[in-house]
Protein backbone atom coordinates (compact mmCIF):
# COMPACT_ATOMS: atom_id res chain seq x y z
CA MET A 1 8.99 -5.91 2.11
CA GLY A 2 7.30 -3.67 -0.37
CA GLN A 3 4.06 -2.06 -1.33
CA GLY A 4 0.86 -3.45 0.11
CA VAL A 5 2.50 -5.24 3.05
CA ALA A 6 -0.50 -4.94 5.36
CA GLU A 7 -3.86 -3.30 5.97
CA THR A 8 -5.19 -1.70 9.14
CA ASP A 9 -7.44 -3.65 11.46
CA ASP A 10 -10.67 -2.39 13.09
CA ASN A 11 -8.57 -0.47 15.65
CA GLY A 12 -6.57 1.29 12.93
CA GLU A 13 -3.44 -0.72 13.74
CA VAL A 14 -1.14 -2.76 11.54
CA ARG A 15 1.19 -5.43 12.82
CA ILE A 16 3.89 -6.77 10.55
CA PHE A 17 6.70 -9.22 11.12
CA ILE A 18 10.18 -7.81 10.54
CA PRO A 19 12.89 -10.45 10.14
CA GLU A 20 15.58 -10.43 12.83
CA GLY A 21 18.53 -8.23 11.97
CA LYS A 22 16.46 -5.87 9.81
CA ASN A 23 16.01 -2.24 10.86
CA VAL A 24 13.14 -0.71 8.91
CA THR A 25 13.73 3.00 8.43
CA ALA A 26 10.83 4.05 6.19
CA VAL A 27 7.16 3.18 6.52
CA ALA A 28 4.42 4.81 4.43
CA ILE A 29 0.66 4.85 4.63
CA ASN A 30 -1.91 5.55 1.92
CA TYR A 31 -5.29 6.81 3.10
CA LYS A 32 -8.12 8.47 1.15
CA GLY A 33 -5.83 9.58 -1.66
CA GLY A 34 -3.05 10.90 0.57
CA ARG A 35 0.34 9.40 1.33
CA VAL A 36 2.69 10.05 4.24
CA GLN A 37 6.05 8.40 4.88
CA LEU A 38 7.84 8.27 8.24
CA ASN A 39 11.60 7.75 8.41
CA GLN A 40 12.91 6.40 11.71
CA TYR A 41 14.97 3.49 13.01
CA MET A 42 12.98 0.63 14.50
CA THR A 43 15.62 0.18 17.17
CA ASP A 44 14.99 3.76 18.37
CA ASP A 45 11.20 3.55 18.19
CA PRO A 46 9.36 0.48 16.86
CA ILE A 47 6.02 2.32 16.61
CA TYR A 48 5.30 4.33 13.47
CA ASN A 49 2.40 6.61 14.37
CA PHE A 50 0.38 8.25 11.59
CA THR A 51 -2.20 10.89 12.49
CA THR A 52 -4.97 12.42 10.40
CA VAL A 53 -6.17 16.01 10.58
CA PRO A 54 -9.68 17.42 10.08
CA VAL A 55 -10.06 19.09 6.66
CA THR A 56 -13.03 21.29 5.73
CA VAL A 57 -13.85 22.33 2.17
CA LYS A 58 -16.17 25.33 1.76
CA LEU A 59 -17.52 27.34 -1.11
CA GLN A 60 -18.03 31.02 -0.30
CA ASN A 61 -19.19 34.00 -2.31
CA SER A 62 -17.21 37.23 -2.72
CA THR A 63 -18.41 38.53 0.67
CA GLY A 64 -17.50 35.34 2.55
CA GLU A 65 -21.00 33.88 2.83
CA ASP A 66 -21.31 30.13 2.44
CA LEU A 67 -22.78 28.74 -0.78
CA SER A 68 -23.96 25.22 -1.48
CA GLY A 69 -21.84 23.23 -3.87
CA THR A 70 -20.40 19.72 -4.04
CA ALA A 71 -16.76 18.94 -3.34
CA LYS A 72 -14.50 16.12 -4.47
CA HIS A 73 -10.83 15.37 -3.94
CA TYR A 74 -8.47 13.54 -6.26
CA GLY A 75 -7.58 10.13 -4.89
CA THR A 76 -5.14 8.24 -7.09
CA ALA A 77 -4.78 7.52 -10.78
CA THR A 78 -6.79 4.35 -10.12
CA ASP A 79 -9.46 5.95 -7.91
CA GLY A 80 -9.84 9.27 -9.76
CA TRP A 81 -12.12 11.87 -8.18
CA LEU A 82 -13.61 10.84 -4.84
CA THR A 83 -16.58 12.44 -3.08
CA PHE A 84 -15.33 14.60 -0.23
CA ALA A 85 -16.58 13.48 3.18
CA GLU A 86 -19.82 11.53 3.27
CA ASN A 87 -21.93 13.56 0.86
CA GLY A 88 -19.59 16.14 -0.68
CA GLU A 89 -21.57 19.15 0.53
CA SER A 90 -19.73 22.45 0.88
CA GLY A 91 -18.70 22.88 4.52
CA SER A 92 -18.18 19.15 5.05
CA THR A 93 -15.24 17.98 7.14
CA MET A 94 -13.34 14.71 6.95
CA GLU A 95 -10.16 13.25 8.43
CA MET A 96 -7.24 13.15 6.00
CA LEU A 97 -3.50 12.63 6.19
CA PRO A 98 -1.49 15.86 6.28
CA SER A 99 -0.53 15.65 2.63
CA LYS A 100 -1.03 17.49 -0.66
CA TYR A 101 -4.43 17.13 -2.32
CA THR A 102 -6.28 18.52 -5.31
CA PHE A 103 -9.86 19.56 -4.60
CA GLN A 104 -12.71 20.22 -6.99
CA MET A 105 -15.87 22.22 -6.32
CA ASN A 106 -19.01 22.04 -8.45
CA TYR A 107 -21.32 25.05 -8.27
CA LYS A 108 -24.29 25.49 -10.61
CA GLY A 109 -22.69 23.25 -13.23
CA ALA A 110 -19.28 24.94 -13.16
CA LEU A 111 -16.17 23.11 -11.89
CA GLN A 112 -13.12 24.64 -10.27
CA ASN A 113 -10.00 22.76 -9.19
CA ASN A 114 -7.75 23.95 -6.41
């Protein structure tokens, strides 16, 4: 077993064969630049459930009013900067793993990372 063991199917499920006598304790998932690892014994619970959360990126002025800008998030060293959500517009929401991300907002030609 190692990296890249399986990919999710159309239902978001992965099925892998674990040789008899093995008790997998750590399973990780990579999704849209995030990574989460679950540590549990297969004999206690053979289902490793990963759940995304809705994340919204907004650009606001000093009084809290929304501004239009474009957002990106850093994927991986291979992927680089990825457009946030479908179009990257400020106020967009997308499902992401509960992980640590770096975001970038472009407003009138200026970039800011968070």
